[in-house]
PDB file of all heavy atoms in Angstrom:
ATOM      1  N   ASN A   1       1.612 -25.919  14.385  1.00  0.00           N
ATOM      2  CA  ASN A   1       0.623 -26.436  15.345  1.00  0.00           C
ATOM      3  C   ASN A   1      -0.099 -27.685  14.839  1.00  0.00           C
ATOM      4  O   ASN A   1      -1.250 -27.955  15.212  1.00  0.00           O
ATOM      5  CB  ASN A   1      -0.394 -25.364  15.745  1.00  0.00           C
ATOM      6  CG  ASN A   1      -0.028 -24.708  17.074  1.00  0.00           C
ATOM      7  OD1 ASN A   1       0.627 -25.313  17.920  1.00  0.00           O
ATOM      8  ND2 ASN A   1      -0.452 -23.470  17.257  1.00  0.00           N
ATOM      9  N   ILE A   2       0.564 -28.439  13.986  1.00  0.00           N
ATOM     10  CA  ILE A   2       0.072 -29.748  13.574  1.00  0.00           C
ATOM     11  C   ILE A   2       0.510 -30.761  14.631  1.00  0.00           C
ATOM     12  O   ILE A   2       1.675 -30.787  15.021  1.00  0.00           O
ATOM     13  CB  ILE A   2       0.636 -30.121  12.190  1.00  0.00           C
ATOM     14  CG1 ILE A   2       0.105 -29.149  11.130  1.00  0.00           C
ATOM     15  CG2 ILE A   2       0.296 -31.558  11.818  1.00  0.00           C
ATOM     16  CD1 ILE A   2       0.831 -29.213   9.811  1.00  0.00           C
ATOM     17  N   VAL A   3      -0.408 -31.581  15.111  1.00  0.00           N
ATOM     18  CA  VAL A   3      -0.068 -32.563  16.147  1.00  0.00           C
ATOM     19  C   VAL A   3       0.389 -33.862  15.499  1.00  0.00           C
ATOM     20  O   VAL A   3       0.084 -34.146  14.337  1.00  0.00           O
ATOM     21  CB  VAL A   3      -1.257 -32.819  17.102  1.00  0.00           C
ATOM     22  CG1 VAL A   3      -1.723 -31.525  17.736  1.00  0.00           C
ATOM     23  CG2 VAL A   3      -2.410 -33.508  16.375  1.00  0.00           C
ATOM     24  N   GLY A   4       1.132 -34.659  16.268  1.00  0.00           N
ATOM     25  CA  GLY A   4       1.646 -35.923  15.774  1.00  0.00           C
ATOM     26  C   GLY A   4       1.161 -37.102  16.585  1.00  0.00           C
ATOM     27  O   GLY A   4       0.978 -37.006  17.805  1.00  0.00           O
ATOM     28  N   PHE A   5       0.945 -38.227  15.904  1.00  0.00           N
ATOM     29  CA  PHE A   5       0.617 -39.495  16.543  1.00  0.00           C
ATOM     30  C   PHE A   5       1.656 -40.511  16.095  1.00  0.00           C
ATOM     31  O   PHE A   5       1.817 -40.754  14.897  1.00  0.00           O
ATOM     32  CB  PHE A   5      -0.776 -39.996  16.141  1.00  0.00           C
ATOM     33  CG  PHE A   5      -1.868 -38.964  16.244  1.00  0.00           C
ATOM     34  CD1 PHE A   5      -2.750 -38.772  15.184  1.00  0.00           C
ATOM     35  CD2 PHE A   5      -2.021 -38.192  17.381  1.00  0.00           C
ATOM     36  CE1 PHE A   5      -3.766 -37.831  15.258  1.00  0.00           C
ATOM     37  CE2 PHE A   5      -3.027 -37.243  17.475  1.00  0.00           C
ATOM     38  CZ  PHE A   5      -3.910 -37.065  16.406  1.00  0.00           C
ATOM     39  N   GLU A   6       2.360 -41.122  17.043  1.00  0.00           N
ATOM     40  CA  GLU A   6       3.429 -42.070  16.698  1.00  0.00           C
ATOM     41  C   GLU A   6       3.140 -43.446  17.290  1.00  0.00           C
ATOM     42  O   GLU A   6       2.409 -43.576  18.262  1.00  0.00           O
ATOM     43  CB  GLU A   6       4.771 -41.528  17.185  1.00  0.00           C
ATOM     44  CG  GLU A   6       5.166 -40.244  16.461  1.00  0.00           C
ATOM     45  CD  GLU A   6       6.432 -39.597  16.973  1.00  0.00           C
ATOM     46  OE1 GLU A   6       6.764 -39.768  18.171  1.00  0.00           O
ATOM     47  OE2 GLU A   6       7.082 -38.890  16.185  1.00  0.00           O
ATOM     48  N   ASN A   7       3.745 -44.464  16.678  1.00  0.00           N
ATOM     49  CA  ASN A   7       3.554 -45.859  17.076  1.00  0.00           C
ATOM     50  C   ASN A   7       2.093 -46.287  16.934  1.00  0.00           C
ATOM     51  O   ASN A   7       1.538 -46.975  17.798  1.00  0.00           O
ATOM     52  CB  ASN A   7       4.039 -46.113  18.507  1.00  0.00           C
ATOM     53  CG  ASN A   7       5.535 -45.965  18.669  1.00  0.00           C
ATOM     54  OD1 ASN A   7       6.304 -46.457  17.843  1.00  0.00           O
ATOM     55  ND2 ASN A   7       5.967 -45.292  19.721  1.00  0.00           N
ATOM     56  N   LEU A   8       1.470 -45.916  15.819  1.00  0.00           N
ATOM     57  CA  LEU A   8       0.117 -46.382  15.523  1.00  0.00           C
ATOM     58  C   LEU A   8       0.148 -47.829  15.046  1.00  0.00           C
ATOM     59  O   LEU A   8       1.209 -48.378  14.727  1.00  0.00           O
ATOM     60  CB  LEU A   8      -0.521 -45.499  14.448  1.00  0.00           C
ATOM     61  CG  LEU A   8      -0.714 -44.024  14.804  1.00  0.00           C
ATOM     62  CD1 LEU A   8      -1.290 -43.269  13.611  1.00  0.00           C
ATOM     63  CD2 LEU A   8      -1.612 -43.858  16.025  1.00  0.00           C
ATOM     64  N   THR A   9      -1.009 -48.434  14.978  1.00  0.00           N
ATOM     65  CA  THR A   9      -1.127 -49.790  14.447  1.00  0.00           C
ATOM     66  C   THR A   9      -2.467 -49.941  13.743  1.00  0.00           C
ATOM     67  O   THR A   9      -3.338 -49.060  13.824  1.00  0.00           O
ATOM     68  CB  THR A   9      -0.966 -50.844  15.561  1.00  0.00           C
ATOM     69  OG1 THR A   9      -0.862 -52.153  14.964  1.00  0.00           O
ATOM     70  CG2 THR A   9      -2.133 -50.831  16.531  1.00  0.00           C
ATOM     71  N   ASN A  10      -2.624 -51.034  13.015  1.00  0.00           N
ATOM     72  CA  ASN A  10      -3.880 -51.388  12.336  1.00  0.00           C
ATOM     73  C   ASN A  10      -4.291 -50.384  11.257  1.00  0.00           C
ATOM     74  O   ASN A  10      -5.475 -50.324  10.890  1.00  0.00           O
ATOM     75  CB  ASN A  10      -5.030 -51.554  13.341  1.00  0.00           C
ATOM     76  CG  ASN A  10      -4.872 -52.782  14.207  1.00  0.00           C
ATOM     77  OD1 ASN A  10      -4.299 -53.786  13.775  1.00  0.00           O
ATOM     78  ND2 ASN A  10      -5.377 -52.715  15.427  1.00  0.00           N
ATOM     79  N   LEU A  11      -3.346 -49.640  10.722  1.00  0.00           N
ATOM     80  CA  LEU A  11      -3.702 -48.705   9.660  1.00  0.00           C
ATOM     81  C   LEU A  11      -4.153 -49.429   8.396  1.00  0.00           C
ATOM     82  O   LEU A  11      -4.845 -48.830   7.550  1.00  0.00           O
ATOM     83  CB  LEU A  11      -2.529 -47.777   9.352  1.00  0.00           C
ATOM     84  CG  LEU A  11      -2.132 -46.814  10.476  1.00  0.00           C
ATOM     85  CD1 LEU A  11      -1.005 -45.898  10.015  1.00  0.00           C
ATOM     86  CD2 LEU A  11      -3.320 -45.985  10.958  1.00  0.00           C
ATOM     87  N   ASP A  12      -3.799 -50.700   8.270  1.00  0.00           N
ATOM     88  CA  ASP A  12      -4.269 -51.487   7.130  1.00  0.00           C
ATOM     89  C   ASP A  12      -5.775 -51.721   7.171  1.00  0.00           C
ATOM     90  O   ASP A  12      -6.372 -52.103   6.163  1.00  0.00           O
ATOM     91  CB  ASP A  12      -3.537 -52.830   7.078  1.00  0.00           C
ATOM     92  CG  ASP A  12      -3.739 -53.654   8.338  1.00  0.00           C
ATOM     93  OD1 ASP A  12      -3.583 -53.098   9.446  1.00  0.00           O
ATOM     94  OD2 ASP A  12      -4.049 -54.858   8.231  1.00  0.00           O
ATOM     95  N   ARG A  13      -6.398 -51.477   8.310  1.00  0.00           N
ATOM     96  CA  ARG A  13      -7.842 -51.687   8.451  1.00  0.00           C
ATOM     97  C   ARG A  13      -8.648 -50.425   8.153  1.00  0.00           C
ATOM     98  O   ARG A  13      -9.884 -50.441   8.224  1.00  0.00           O
ATOM     99  CB  ARG A  13      -8.163 -52.212   9.853  1.00  0.00           C
ATOM    100  CG  ARG A  13      -7.572 -53.599  10.112  1.00  0.00           C
ATOM    101  CD  ARG A  13      -7.848 -54.073  11.521  1.00  0.00           C
ATOM    102  NE  ARG A  13      -9.277 -54.122  11.814  1.00  0.00           N
ATOM    103  CZ  ARG A  13      -9.775 -54.391  13.023  1.00  0.00           C
ATOM    104  NH1 ARG A  13      -8.940 -54.632  14.038  1.00  0.00           N
ATOM    105  NH2 ARG A  13     -11.079 -54.411  13.223  1.00  0.00           N
ATOM    106  N   LEU A  14      -7.963 -49.341   7.800  1.00  0.00           N
ATOM    107  CA  LEU A  14      -8.646 -48.121   7.408  1.00  0.00           C
ATOM    108  C   LEU A  14      -8.556 -47.949   5.896  1.00  0.00           C
ATOM    109  O   LEU A  14      -7.530 -48.243   5.290  1.00  0.00           O
ATOM    110  CB  LEU A  14      -8.014 -46.897   8.084  1.00  0.00           C
ATOM    111  CG  LEU A  14      -7.984 -46.844   9.610  1.00  0.00           C
ATOM    112  CD1 LEU A  14      -7.467 -45.484  10.059  1.00  0.00           C
ATOM    113  CD2 LEU A  14      -9.339 -47.132  10.218  1.00  0.00           C
ATOM    114  N   PRO A  15      -9.613 -47.432   5.268  1.00  0.00           N
ATOM    115  CA  PRO A  15      -9.525 -47.136   3.837  1.00  0.00           C
ATOM    116  C   PRO A  15      -8.678 -45.896   3.588  1.00  0.00           C
ATOM    117  O   PRO A  15      -8.384 -45.133   4.514  1.00  0.00           O
ATOM    118  CB  PRO A  15     -10.994 -46.882   3.458  1.00  0.00           C
ATOM    119  CG  PRO A  15     -11.606 -46.348   4.714  1.00  0.00           C
ATOM    120  CD  PRO A  15     -10.922 -47.074   5.850  1.00  0.00           C
ATOM    121  N   ALA A  16      -8.309 -45.691   2.339  1.00  0.00           N
ATOM    122  CA  ALA A  16      -7.504 -44.520   1.987  1.00  0.00           C
ATOM    123  C   ALA A  16      -8.237 -43.229   2.330  1.00  0.00           C
ATOM    124  O   ALA A  16      -7.615 -42.253   2.772  1.00  0.00           O
ATOM    125  CB  ALA A  16      -7.150 -44.559   0.503  1.00  0.00           C
ATOM    126  N   THR A  17      -9.541 -43.202   2.131  1.00  0.00           N
ATOM    127  CA  THR A  17     -10.364 -42.048   2.487  1.00  0.00           C
ATOM    128  C   THR A  17     -11.675 -42.538   3.092  1.00  0.00           C
ATOM    129  O   THR A  17     -12.037 -43.705   2.954  1.00  0.00           O
ATOM    130  CB  THR A  17     -10.688 -41.174   1.255  1.00  0.00           C
ATOM    131  OG1 THR A  17     -11.453 -41.957   0.322  1.00  0.00           O
ATOM    132  CG2 THR A  17      -9.437 -40.675   0.585  1.00  0.00           C
ATOM    133  N   GLY A  18     -12.360 -41.650   3.756  1.00  0.00           N
ATOM    134  CA  GLY A  18     -13.694 -41.961   4.247  1.00  0.00           C
ATOM    135  C   GLY A  18     -13.774 -42.366   5.699  1.00  0.00           C
ATOM    136  O   GLY A  18     -14.871 -42.436   6.261  1.00  0.00           O
ATOM    137  N   ALA A  19     -12.652 -42.631   6.331  1.00  0.00           N
ATOM    138  CA  ALA A  19     -12.645 -42.975   7.750  1.00  0.00           C
ATOM    139  C   ALA A  19     -12.437 -41.718   8.587  1.00  0.00           C
ATOM    140  O   ALA A  19     -12.188 -40.624   8.065  1.00  0.00           O
ATOM    141  CB  ALA A  19     -11.547 -44.001   8.054  1.00  0.00           C
ATOM    142  N   GLY A  20     -12.542 -41.888   9.877  1.00  0.00           N
ATOM    143  CA  GLY A  20     -12.236 -40.806  10.808  1.00  0.00           C
ATOM    144  C   GLY A  20     -11.466 -41.352  11.985  1.00  0.00           C
ATOM    145  O   GLY A  20     -11.365 -42.574  12.159  1.00  0.00           O
ATOM    146  N   ILE A  21     -10.888 -40.465  12.787  1.00  0.00           N
ATOM    147  CA  ILE A  21     -10.194 -40.912  13.988  1.00  0.00           C
ATOM    148  C   ILE A  21     -10.658 -40.106  15.189  1.00  0.00           C
ATOM    149  O   ILE A  21     -11.073 -38.955  15.078  1.00  0.00           O
ATOM    150  CB  ILE A  21      -8.658 -40.814  13.865  1.00  0.00           C
ATOM    151  CG1 ILE A  21      -8.199 -39.360  13.709  1.00  0.00           C
ATOM    152  CG2 ILE A  21      -8.129 -41.675  12.746  1.00  0.00           C
ATOM    153  CD1 ILE A  21      -6.735 -39.168  14.057  1.00  0.00           C
ATOM    154  N   VAL A  22     -10.576 -40.762  16.334  1.00  0.00           N
ATOM    155  CA  VAL A  22     -10.737 -40.121  17.632  1.00  0.00           C
ATOM    156  C   VAL A  22      -9.464 -40.443  18.394  1.00  0.00           C
ATOM    157  O   VAL A  22      -9.204 -41.602  18.715  1.00  0.00           O
ATOM    158  CB  VAL A  22     -11.971 -40.636  18.387  1.00  0.00           C
ATOM    159  CG1 VAL A  22     -12.099 -39.949  19.741  1.00  0.00           C
ATOM    160  CG2 VAL A  22     -13.236 -40.423  17.558  1.00  0.00           C
ATOM    161  N   ALA A  23      -8.631 -39.439  18.653  1.00  0.00           N
ATOM    162  CA  ALA A  23      -7.305 -39.637  19.239  1.00  0.00           C
ATOM    163  C   ALA A  23      -7.211 -38.800  20.510  1.00  0.00           C
ATOM    164  O   ALA A  23      -6.889 -37.615  20.453  1.00  0.00           O
ATOM    165  CB  ALA A  23      -6.217 -39.233  18.245  1.00  0.00           C
ATOM    166  N   LEU A  24      -7.494 -39.403  21.647  1.00  0.00           N
ATOM    167  CA  LEU A  24      -7.583 -38.659  22.898  1.00  0.00           C
ATOM    168  C   LEU A  24      -6.415 -39.026  23.819  1.00  0.00           C
ATOM    169  O   LEU A  24      -6.372 -40.114  24.379  1.00  0.00           O
ATOM    170  CB  LEU A  24      -8.914 -38.946  23.585  1.00  0.00           C
ATOM    171  CG  LEU A  24     -10.153 -38.560  22.766  1.00  0.00           C
ATOM    172  CD1 LEU A  24     -11.428 -38.871  23.547  1.00  0.00           C
ATOM    173  CD2 LEU A  24     -10.111 -37.092  22.358  1.00  0.00           C
ATOM    174  N   PRO A  25      -5.448 -38.113  23.975  1.00  0.00           N
ATOM    175  CA  PRO A  25      -4.292 -38.376  24.829  1.00  0.00           C
ATOM    176  C   PRO A  25      -4.595 -38.035  26.284  1.00  0.00           C
ATOM    177  O   PRO A  25      -5.589 -37.363  26.602  1.00  0.00           O
ATOM    178  CB  PRO A  25      -3.248 -37.403  24.284  1.00  0.00           C
ATOM    179  CG  PRO A  25      -4.075 -36.222  23.849  1.00  0.00           C
ATOM    180  CD  PRO A  25      -5.369 -36.804  23.314  1.00  0.00           C
ATOM    181  N   MET A  26      -3.732 -38.465  27.158  1.00  0.00           N
ATOM    182  CA  MET A  26      -3.761 -37.964  28.523  1.00  0.00           C
ATOM    183  C   MET A  26      -3.564 -36.454  28.469  1.00  0.00           C
ATOM    184  O   MET A  26      -2.657 -35.951  27.803  1.00  0.00           O
ATOM    185  CB  MET A  26      -2.654 -38.622  29.349  1.00  0.00           C
ATOM    186  CG  MET A  26      -2.635 -38.191  30.804  1.00  0.00           C
ATOM    187  SD  MET A  26      -1.292 -38.996  31.729  1.00  0.00           S
ATOM    188  CE  MET A  26      -1.879 -40.685  31.767  1.00  0.00           C
ATOM    189  N   LYS A  27      -4.420 -35.728  29.158  1.00  0.00           N
ATOM    190  CA  LYS A  27      -4.401 -34.262  29.088  1.00  0.00           C
ATOM    191  C   LYS A  27      -3.458 -33.727  30.159  1.00  0.00           C
ATOM    192  O   LYS A  27      -3.863 -33.347  31.256  1.00  0.00           O
ATOM    193  CB  LYS A  27      -5.824 -33.723  29.274  1.00  0.00           C
ATOM    194  CG  LYS A  27      -5.983 -32.257  28.911  1.00  0.00           C
ATOM    195  CD  LYS A  27      -7.455 -31.860  28.993  1.00  0.00           C
ATOM    196  CE  LYS A  27      -7.669 -30.403  28.615  1.00  0.00           C
ATOM    197  NZ  LYS A  27      -9.098 -30.012  28.728  1.00  0.00           N
ATOM    198  N   ILE A  28      -2.171 -33.685  29.816  1.00  0.00           N
ATOM    199  CA  ILE A  28      -1.126 -33.302  30.760  1.00  0.00           C
ATOM    200  C   ILE A  28      -0.887 -31.801  30.655  1.00  0.00           C
ATOM    201  O   ILE A  28      -0.500 -31.290  29.602  1.00  0.00           O
ATOM    202  CB  ILE A  28       0.177 -34.073  30.473  1.00  0.00           C
ATOM    203  CG1 ILE A  28      -0.066 -35.582  30.590  1.00  0.00           C
ATOM    204  CG2 ILE A  28       1.277 -33.620  31.423  1.00  0.00           C
ATOM    205  CD1 ILE A  28       1.116 -36.417  30.143  1.00  0.00           C
ATOM    206  N   GLU A  29      -1.099 -31.089  31.741  1.00  0.00           N
ATOM    207  CA  GLU A  29      -0.928 -29.646  31.738  1.00  0.00           C
ATOM    208  C   GLU A  29       0.520 -29.294  31.413  1.00  0.00           C
ATOM    209  O   GLU A  29       1.456 -29.734  32.090  1.00  0.00           O
ATOM    210  CB  GLU A  29      -1.323 -29.064  33.091  1.00  0.00           C
ATOM    211  CG  GLU A  29      -1.279 -27.549  33.152  1.00  0.00           C
ATOM    212  CD  GLU A  29      -1.801 -27.002  34.465  1.00  0.00           C
ATOM    213  OE1 GLU A  29      -2.357 -27.777  35.273  1.00  0.00           O
ATOM    214  OE2 GLU A  29      -1.630 -25.786  34.697  1.00  0.00           O
ATOM    215  N   GLY A  30       0.708 -28.518  30.348  1.00  0.00           N
ATOM    216  CA  GLY A  30       2.046 -28.124  29.942  1.00  0.00           C
ATOM    217  C   GLY A  30       2.861 -29.233  29.320  1.00  0.00           C
ATOM    218  O   GLY A  30       4.061 -29.049  29.075  1.00  0.00           O
ATOM    219  N   GLY A  31       2.243 -30.365  29.014  1.00  0.00           N
ATOM    220  CA  GLY A  31       2.984 -31.513  28.519  1.00  0.00           C
ATOM    221  C   GLY A  31       3.396 -31.378  27.062  1.00  0.00           C
ATOM    222  O   GLY A  31       2.746 -30.703  26.261  1.00  0.00           O
ATOM    223  N   SER A  32       4.484 -32.057  26.716  1.00  0.00           N
ATOM    224  CA  SER A  32       4.925 -32.084  25.323  1.00  0.00           C
ATOM    225  C   SER A  32       4.336 -33.263  24.568  1.00  0.00           C
ATOM    226  O   SER A  32       4.606 -33.459  23.389  1.00  0.00           O
ATOM    227  CB  SER A  32       6.455 -32.140  25.245  1.00  0.00           C
ATOM    228  OG  SER A  32       6.939 -33.394  25.684  1.00  0.00           O
ATOM    229  N   GLY A  33       3.529 -34.056  25.243  1.00  0.00           N
ATOM    230  CA  GLY A  33       2.898 -35.224  24.635  1.00  0.00           C
ATOM    231  C   GLY A  33       2.270 -36.062  25.722  1.00  0.00           C
ATOM    232  O   GLY A  33       2.117 -35.613  26.859  1.00  0.00           O
ATOM    233  N   GLY A  34       1.925 -37.300  25.372  1.00  0.00           N
ATOM    234  CA  GLY A  34       1.364 -38.176  26.385  1.00  0.00           C
ATOM    235  C   GLY A  34       0.802 -39.445  25.782  1.00  0.00           C
ATOM    236  O   GLY A  34       0.564 -39.528  24.570  1.00  0.00           O
ATOM    237  N   PRO A  35       0.598 -40.468  26.628  1.00  0.00           N
ATOM    238  CA  PRO A  35      -0.014 -41.714  26.164  1.00  0.00           C
ATOM    239  C   PRO A  35      -1.341 -41.437  25.456  1.00  0.00           C
ATOM    240  O   PRO A  35      -2.112 -40.568  25.870  1.00  0.00           O
ATOM    241  CB  PRO A  35      -0.217 -42.505  27.455  1.00  0.00           C
ATOM    242  CG  PRO A  35       0.814 -41.959  28.389  1.00  0.00           C
ATOM    243  CD  PRO A  35       0.911 -40.503  28.071  1.00  0.00           C
ATOM    244  N   LEU A  36      -1.614 -42.202  24.403  1.00  0.00           N
ATOM    245  CA  LEU A  36      -2.731 -41.911  23.507  1.00  0.00           C
ATOM    246  C   LEU A  36      -3.620 -43.130  23.326  1.00  0.00           C
ATOM    247  O   LEU A  36      -3.137 -44.225  23.021  1.00  0.00           O
ATOM    248  CB  LEU A  36      -2.178 -41.480  22.149  1.00  0.00           C
ATOM    249  CG  LEU A  36      -3.172 -41.143  21.052  1.00  0.00           C
ATOM    250  CD1 LEU A  36      -3.943 -39.864  21.409  1.00  0.00           C
ATOM    251  CD2 LEU A  36      -2.447 -40.965  19.722  1.00  0.00           C
ATOM    252  N   ARG A  37      -4.917 -42.952  23.512  1.00  0.00           N
ATOM    253  CA  ARG A  37      -5.890 -43.956  23.083  1.00  0.00           C
ATOM    254  C   ARG A  37      -6.519 -43.422  21.811  1.00  0.00           C
ATOM    255  O   ARG A  37      -7.184 -42.388  21.805  1.00  0.00           O
ATOM    256  CB  ARG A  37      -6.958 -44.191  24.158  1.00  0.00           C
ATOM    257  CG  ARG A  37      -7.919 -45.359  23.783  1.00  0.00           C
ATOM    258  CD  ARG A  37      -7.145 -46.673  23.789  1.00  0.00           C
ATOM    259  NE  ARG A  37      -7.888 -47.768  23.186  1.00  0.00           N
ATOM    260  CZ  ARG A  37      -8.615 -48.655  23.881  1.00  0.00           C
ATOM    261  NH1 ARG A  37      -8.738 -48.544  25.187  1.00  0.00           N
ATOM    262  NH2 ARG A  37      -9.211 -49.674  23.261  1.00  0.00           N
ATOM    263  N   VAL A  38      -6.305 -44.120  20.722  1.00  0.00           N
ATOM    264  CA  VAL A  38      -6.746 -43.646  19.424  1.00  0.00           C
ATOM    265  C   VAL A  38      -7.495 -44.761  18.717  1.00  0.00           C
ATOM    266  O   VAL A  38      -7.069 -45.917  18.705  1.00  0.00           O
ATOM    267  CB  VAL A  38      -5.537 -43.148  18.575  1.00  0.00           C
ATOM    268  CG1 VAL A  38      -4.432 -44.189  18.502  1.00  0.00           C
ATOM    269  CG2 VAL A  38      -5.985 -42.729  17.191  1.00  0.00           C
ATOM    270  N   VAL A  39      -8.639 -44.401  18.154  1.00  0.00           N
ATOM    271  CA  VAL A  39      -9.445 -45.367  17.397  1.00  0.00           C
ATOM    272  C   VAL A  39      -9.825 -44.754  16.058  1.00  0.00           C
ATOM    273  O   VAL A  39      -9.915 -43.529  15.915  1.00  0.00           O
ATOM    274  CB  VAL A  39     -10.715 -45.771  18.167  1.00  0.00           C
ATOM    275  CG1 VAL A  39     -10.359 -46.529  19.443  1.00  0.00           C
ATOM    276  CG2 VAL A  39     -11.596 -44.573  18.477  1.00  0.00           C
ATOM    277  N   GLY A  40     -10.043 -45.632  15.108  1.00  0.00           N
ATOM    278  CA  GLY A  40     -10.536 -45.200  13.804  1.00  0.00           C
ATOM    279  C   GLY A  40     -11.986 -45.609  13.635  1.00  0.00           C
ATOM    280  O   GLY A  40     -12.428 -46.605  14.218  1.00  0.00           O
ATOM    281  N   TRP A  41     -12.720 -44.838  12.849  1.00  0.00           N
ATOM    282  CA  TRP A  41     -14.112 -45.138  12.558  1.00  0.00           C
ATOM    283  C   TRP A  41     -14.242 -45.361  11.054  1.00  0.00           C
ATOM    284  O   TRP A  41     -13.912 -44.494  10.258  1.00  0.00           O
ATOM    285  CB  TRP A  41     -15.030 -44.001  13.000  1.00  0.00           C
ATOM    286  CG  TRP A  41     -16.427 -44.142  12.496  1.00  0.00           C
ATOM    287  CD1 TRP A  41     -17.052 -43.356  11.569  1.00  0.00           C
ATOM    288  CD2 TRP A  41     -17.369 -45.151  12.870  1.00  0.00           C
ATOM    289  NE1 TRP A  41     -18.333 -43.809  11.358  1.00  0.00           N
ATOM    290  CE2 TRP A  41     -18.554 -44.911  12.136  1.00  0.00           C
ATOM    291  CE3 TRP A  41     -17.318 -46.224  13.750  1.00  0.00           C
ATOM    292  CZ2 TRP A  41     -19.686 -45.728  12.256  1.00  0.00           C
ATOM    293  CZ3 TRP A  41     -18.440 -47.031  13.873  1.00  0.00           C
ATOM    294  CH2 TRP A  41     -19.596 -46.774  13.137  1.00  0.00           C
ATOM    295  N   VAL A  42     -14.685 -46.573  10.677  1.00  0.00           N
ATOM    296  CA  VAL A  42     -14.886 -46.924   9.278  1.00  0.00           C
ATOM    297  C   VAL A  42     -16.372 -47.083   9.043  1.00  0.00           C
ATOM    298  O   VAL A  42     -16.971 -48.036   9.559  1.00  0.00           O
ATOM    299  CB  VAL A  42     -14.138 -48.215   8.907  1.00  0.00           C
ATOM    300  CG1 VAL A  42     -14.299 -48.508   7.427  1.00  0.00           C
ATOM    301  CG2 VAL A  42     -12.662 -48.114   9.278  1.00  0.00           C
ATOM    302  N   PRO A  43     -17.006 -46.165   8.329  1.00  0.00           N
ATOM    303  CA  PRO A  43     -18.448 -46.285   8.096  1.00  0.00           C
ATOM    304  C   PRO A  43     -18.808 -47.580   7.368  1.00  0.00           C
ATOM    305  O   PRO A  43     -18.014 -48.104   6.579  1.00  0.00           O
ATOM    306  CB  PRO A  43     -18.774 -45.057   7.238  1.00  0.00           C
ATOM    307  CG  PRO A  43     -17.645 -44.110   7.472  1.00  0.00           C
ATOM    308  CD  PRO A  43     -16.440 -44.961   7.710  1.00  0.00           C
TER     309      PRO A  43
END
């Protein structure tokens, strides 16, 4: 039950540790995945 995020970008702008992500996909009932809006938070 580990989820996956594919085709990410800008990972060079996150530090190795200390950041966080908010990854909110389209909430498709019964879906195997969906388009994703994902952002990182760098304190």
